[in-house]
Every structure is written in structure tokens, then in C-alpha cells.
């Protein structure tokens, strides 16, 4: 029996090809188990606003992304529960044999406060 769940994916423009590939994998996985599915890829923040206007069809929003994105969704979704987060959790592990200059650049780019060196 299907639960009639739907999934909307919205990623950053820098990951557009990855987002599309992930969406196709989710569709394929659902089809392989005979599940009915509604999976869509949302490309812009304007589309998010349009979706939030469909409050009678949405039971819960679990936004993943920047604090700004989460806050924006919380502010716009007056009648839809939002399971938001304060800040993301970031872990970067740097191997003892790694090139430290490259590793530090990666850790800083990932916005981690305390990279762990092992």
C-alpha cells in the first residue's frame, strides 16, 4: 500500500547536474519496489514560494541548506510545520599523510570550525 508521499528536491545551482542525477536515482529506486511516487526537482527559490502556497497539500517541510534558506522557509510557511535546523553539522577528517595546504583549504571551504587531524 502506498503512503502517497511526495518528495521535492532543491539544491544549489552549483550542483544542478548532481541534483538531477539524485532525483533520477530516487525515481528509479521507487519504481523498482513498485511504489507510486511524486518526485520533482525545484530549481529556484521562487519555485519554493509557489510550493509553500500549496499548504493544504503539504504536511511537513524538512528544509536542508543554509540558515538563510531554512529561516526563509520558516517565515513563509505560516500553516505548515517546518522541521528546521539552527546550523548544519560539518565534519572534515584529514589523514596524517594528506597534503596539509590542500586539506586546510578544503576544511575552510567546508566552513568547519575545528577540523580534526588524525
C-alpha atoms as a PDB file:
ATOM      1  CA  UNK A   1       0.000   0.000   0.000  1.00  0.00           C
ATOM      2  CA  UNK A   2       1.429   3.381  -0.963  1.00  0.00           C
ATOM      3  CA  UNK A   3       1.559   6.175   1.567  1.00  0.00           C
ATOM      4  CA  UNK A   4       1.069   8.922  -1.031  1.00  0.00           C
ATOM      5  CA  UNK A   5       4.272  10.680  -0.043  1.00  0.00           C
ATOM      6  CA  UNK A   6       5.912  13.166  -2.333  1.00  0.00           C
ATOM      7  CA  UNK A   7       9.454  14.452  -2.472  1.00  0.00           C
ATOM      8  CA  UNK A   8      10.751  17.781  -3.710  1.00  0.00           C
ATOM      9  CA  UNK A   9      14.463  18.261  -4.160  1.00  0.00           C
ATOM     10  CA  UNK A  10      16.063  21.697  -4.319  1.00  0.00           C
ATOM     11  CA  UNK A  11      19.792  22.067  -4.466  1.00  0.00           C
ATOM     12  CA  UNK A  12      22.185  24.854  -5.263  1.00  0.00           C
ATOM     13  CA  UNK A  13      22.858  25.820  -8.867  1.00  0.00           C
ATOM     14  CA  UNK A  14      26.464  24.674  -8.499  1.00  0.00           C
ATOM     15  CA  UNK A  15      25.183  21.105  -8.076  1.00  0.00           C
ATOM     16  CA  UNK A  16      22.469  21.108 -10.764  1.00  0.00           C
ATOM     17  CA  UNK A  17      23.776  18.008 -12.554  1.00  0.00           C
ATOM     18  CA  UNK A  18      24.221  16.109  -9.273  1.00  0.00           C
ATOM     19  CA  UNK A  19      20.729  17.129  -8.141  1.00  0.00           C
ATOM     20  CA  UNK A  20      19.216  15.809 -11.358  1.00  0.00           C
ATOM     21  CA  UNK A  21      21.145  12.530 -11.069  1.00  0.00           C
ATOM     22  CA  UNK A  22      19.984  12.107  -7.441  1.00  0.00           C
ATOM     23  CA  UNK A  23      16.392  12.739  -8.448  1.00  0.00           C
ATOM     24  CA  UNK A  24      16.628  10.094 -11.171  1.00  0.00           C
ATOM     25  CA  UNK A  25      18.087   7.585  -8.695  1.00  0.00           C
ATOM     26  CA  UNK A  26      15.249   8.202  -6.232  1.00  0.00           C
ATOM     27  CA  UNK A  27      12.675   7.729  -9.012  1.00  0.00           C
ATOM     28  CA  UNK A  28      14.386   4.533 -10.170  1.00  0.00           C
ATOM     29  CA  UNK A  29      14.531   3.141  -6.620  1.00  0.00           C
ATOM     30  CA  UNK A  30      10.852   3.870  -6.008  1.00  0.00           C
ATOM     31  CA  UNK A  31       9.849   2.331  -9.329  1.00  0.00           C
ATOM     32  CA  UNK A  32      11.925  -0.800  -8.633  1.00  0.00           C
ATOM     33  CA  UNK A  33       9.871  -1.532  -5.500  1.00  0.00           C
ATOM     34  CA  UNK A  34       6.582  -0.736  -7.183  1.00  0.00           C
ATOM     35  CA  UNK A  35       5.964   2.411  -5.175  1.00  0.00           C
ATOM     36  CA  UNK A  36       3.841   5.183  -6.581  1.00  0.00           C
ATOM     37  CA  UNK A  37       5.855   8.354  -6.432  1.00  0.00           C
ATOM     38  CA  UNK A  38       5.806  12.065  -6.976  1.00  0.00           C
ATOM     39  CA  UNK A  39       9.354  13.353  -7.208  1.00  0.00           C
ATOM     40  CA  UNK A  40      10.214  16.774  -8.573  1.00  0.00           C
ATOM     41  CA  UNK A  41      13.301  18.919  -8.797  1.00  0.00           C
ATOM     42  CA  UNK A  42      12.892  22.541  -7.750  1.00  0.00           C
ATOM     43  CA  UNK A  43      15.407  24.868  -9.379  1.00  0.00           C
ATOM     44  CA  UNK A  44      14.820  28.303  -7.911  1.00  0.00           C
ATOM     45  CA  UNK A  45      13.848  29.891  -4.604  1.00  0.00           C
ATOM     46  CA  UNK A  46      10.890  31.493  -6.379  1.00  0.00           C
ATOM     47  CA  UNK A  47       9.527  27.992  -7.014  1.00  0.00           C
ATOM     48  CA  UNK A  48       9.768  27.320  -3.279  1.00  0.00           C
ATOM     49  CA  UNK A  49       7.450  30.272  -2.602  1.00  0.00           C
ATOM     50  CA  UNK A  50       4.951  28.898  -5.117  1.00  0.00           C
ATOM     51  CA  UNK A  51       5.062  25.480  -3.444  1.00  0.00           C
ATOM     52  CA  UNK A  52       4.579  26.931   0.036  1.00  0.00           C
ATOM     53  CA  UNK A  53       1.323  28.462  -1.183  1.00  0.00           C
ATOM     54  CA  UNK A  54       0.001  24.887  -1.593  1.00  0.00           C
ATOM     55  CA  UNK A  55      -0.344  24.493   2.175  1.00  0.00           C
ATOM     56  CA  UNK A  56      -3.376  22.203   2.016  1.00  0.00           C
ATOM     57  CA  UNK A  57      -1.245  19.605   0.216  1.00  0.00           C
ATOM     58  CA  UNK A  58       1.903  19.749   2.370  1.00  0.00           C
ATOM     59  CA  UNK A  59       2.081  18.118   5.804  1.00  0.00           C
ATOM     60  CA  UNK A  60       5.702  18.811   6.759  1.00  0.00           C
ATOM     61  CA  UNK A  61       8.736  20.624   5.371  1.00  0.00           C
ATOM     62  CA  UNK A  62      12.249  19.463   6.211  1.00  0.00           C
ATOM     63  CA  UNK A  63      14.500  22.055   4.568  1.00  0.00           C
ATOM     64  CA  UNK A  64      18.199  21.307   4.189  1.00  0.00           C
ATOM     65  CA  UNK A  65      20.540  24.090   3.264  1.00  0.00           C
ATOM     66  CA  UNK A  66      21.804  27.374   4.505  1.00  0.00           C
ATOM     67  CA  UNK A  67      20.425  29.002   7.635  1.00  0.00           C
ATOM     68  CA  UNK A  68      19.085  31.752   5.392  1.00  0.00           C
ATOM     69  CA  UNK A  69      17.130  29.230   3.303  1.00  0.00           C
ATOM     70  CA  UNK A  70      15.702  27.499   6.388  1.00  0.00           C
ATOM     71  CA  UNK A  71      14.741  30.817   8.005  1.00  0.00           C
ATOM     72  CA  UNK A  72      13.110  31.995   4.758  1.00  0.00           C
ATOM     73  CA  UNK A  73      11.010  28.824   4.542  1.00  0.00           C
ATOM     74  CA  UNK A  74      10.020  29.069   8.211  1.00  0.00           C
ATOM     75  CA  UNK A  75       8.872  32.656   7.693  1.00  0.00           C
ATOM     76  CA  UNK A  76       6.872  31.833   4.551  1.00  0.00           C
ATOM     77  CA  UNK A  77       5.164  28.666   5.756  1.00  0.00           C
ATOM     78  CA  UNK A  78       2.636  30.050   8.220  1.00  0.00           C
ATOM     79  CA  UNK A  79       0.415  26.938   8.376  1.00  0.00           C
ATOM     80  CA  UNK A  80       2.882  24.155   7.514  1.00  0.00           C
ATOM     81  CA  UNK A  81       5.121  22.680  10.208  1.00  0.00           C
ATOM     82  CA  UNK A  82       8.813  23.144   9.435  1.00  0.00           C
ATOM     83  CA  UNK A  83      11.441  20.857  10.917  1.00  0.00           C
ATOM     84  CA  UNK A  84      14.372  23.252  10.605  1.00  0.00           C
ATOM     85  CA  UNK A  85      17.880  23.333  11.957  1.00  0.00           C
ATOM     86  CA  UNK A  86      19.970  26.028  13.540  1.00  0.00           C
ATOM     87  CA  UNK A  87      23.219  25.185  11.822  1.00  0.00           C
ATOM     88  CA  UNK A  88      24.452  22.234   9.831  1.00  0.00           C
ATOM     89  CA  UNK A  89      26.915  19.767  11.202  1.00  0.00           C
ATOM     90  CA  UNK A  90      30.183  19.586   9.317  1.00  0.00           C
ATOM     91  CA  UNK A  91      32.941  17.064   9.808  1.00  0.00           C
ATOM     92  CA  UNK A  92      36.181  17.005   7.851  1.00  0.00           C
ATOM     93  CA  UNK A  93      38.744  14.374   8.682  1.00  0.00           C
ATOM     94  CA  UNK A  94      42.263  14.998   7.444  1.00  0.00           C
ATOM     95  CA  UNK A  95      44.531  11.990   7.089  1.00  0.00           C
ATOM     96  CA  UNK A  96      48.021  12.313   8.563  1.00  0.00           C
ATOM     97  CA  UNK A  97      49.517  11.735   5.087  1.00  0.00           C
ATOM     98  CA  UNK A  98      47.376  14.387   3.375  1.00  0.00           C
ATOM     99  CA  UNK A  99      48.774  17.493   1.731  1.00  0.00           C
ATOM    100  CA  UNK A 100      48.037  19.934   4.584  1.00  0.00           C
ATOM    101  CA  UNK A 101      47.758  23.005   2.341  1.00  0.00           C
ATOM    102  CA  UNK A 102      45.067  21.319   0.247  1.00  0.00           C
ATOM    103  CA  UNK A 103      43.372  19.838   3.312  1.00  0.00           C
ATOM    104  CA  UNK A 104      43.159  23.173   5.121  1.00  0.00           C
ATOM    105  CA  UNK A 105      41.733  24.803   2.001  1.00  0.00           C
ATOM    106  CA  UNK A 106      39.059  22.084   1.828  1.00  0.00           C
ATOM    107  CA  UNK A 107      38.264  22.384   5.554  1.00  0.00           C
ATOM    108  CA  UNK A 108      37.933  26.184   5.326  1.00  0.00           C
ATOM    109  CA  UNK A 109      35.800  25.912   2.197  1.00  0.00           C
ATOM    110  CA  UNK A 110      33.550  23.436   4.028  1.00  0.00           C
ATOM    111  CA  UNK A 111      33.070  26.062   6.753  1.00  0.00           C
ATOM    112  CA  UNK A 112      34.147  23.720   9.523  1.00  0.00           C
ATOM    113  CA  UNK A 113      35.273  25.347  12.711  1.00  0.00           C
ATOM    114  CA  UNK A 114      37.571  22.627  14.016  1.00  0.00           C
ATOM    115  CA  UNK A 115      38.998  20.168  11.510  1.00  0.00           C
ATOM    116  CA  UNK A 116      40.215  17.006  13.238  1.00  0.00           C
ATOM    117  CA  UNK A 117      43.653  15.753  12.280  1.00  0.00           C
ATOM    118  CA  UNK A 118      44.378  12.048  12.699  1.00  0.00           C
END
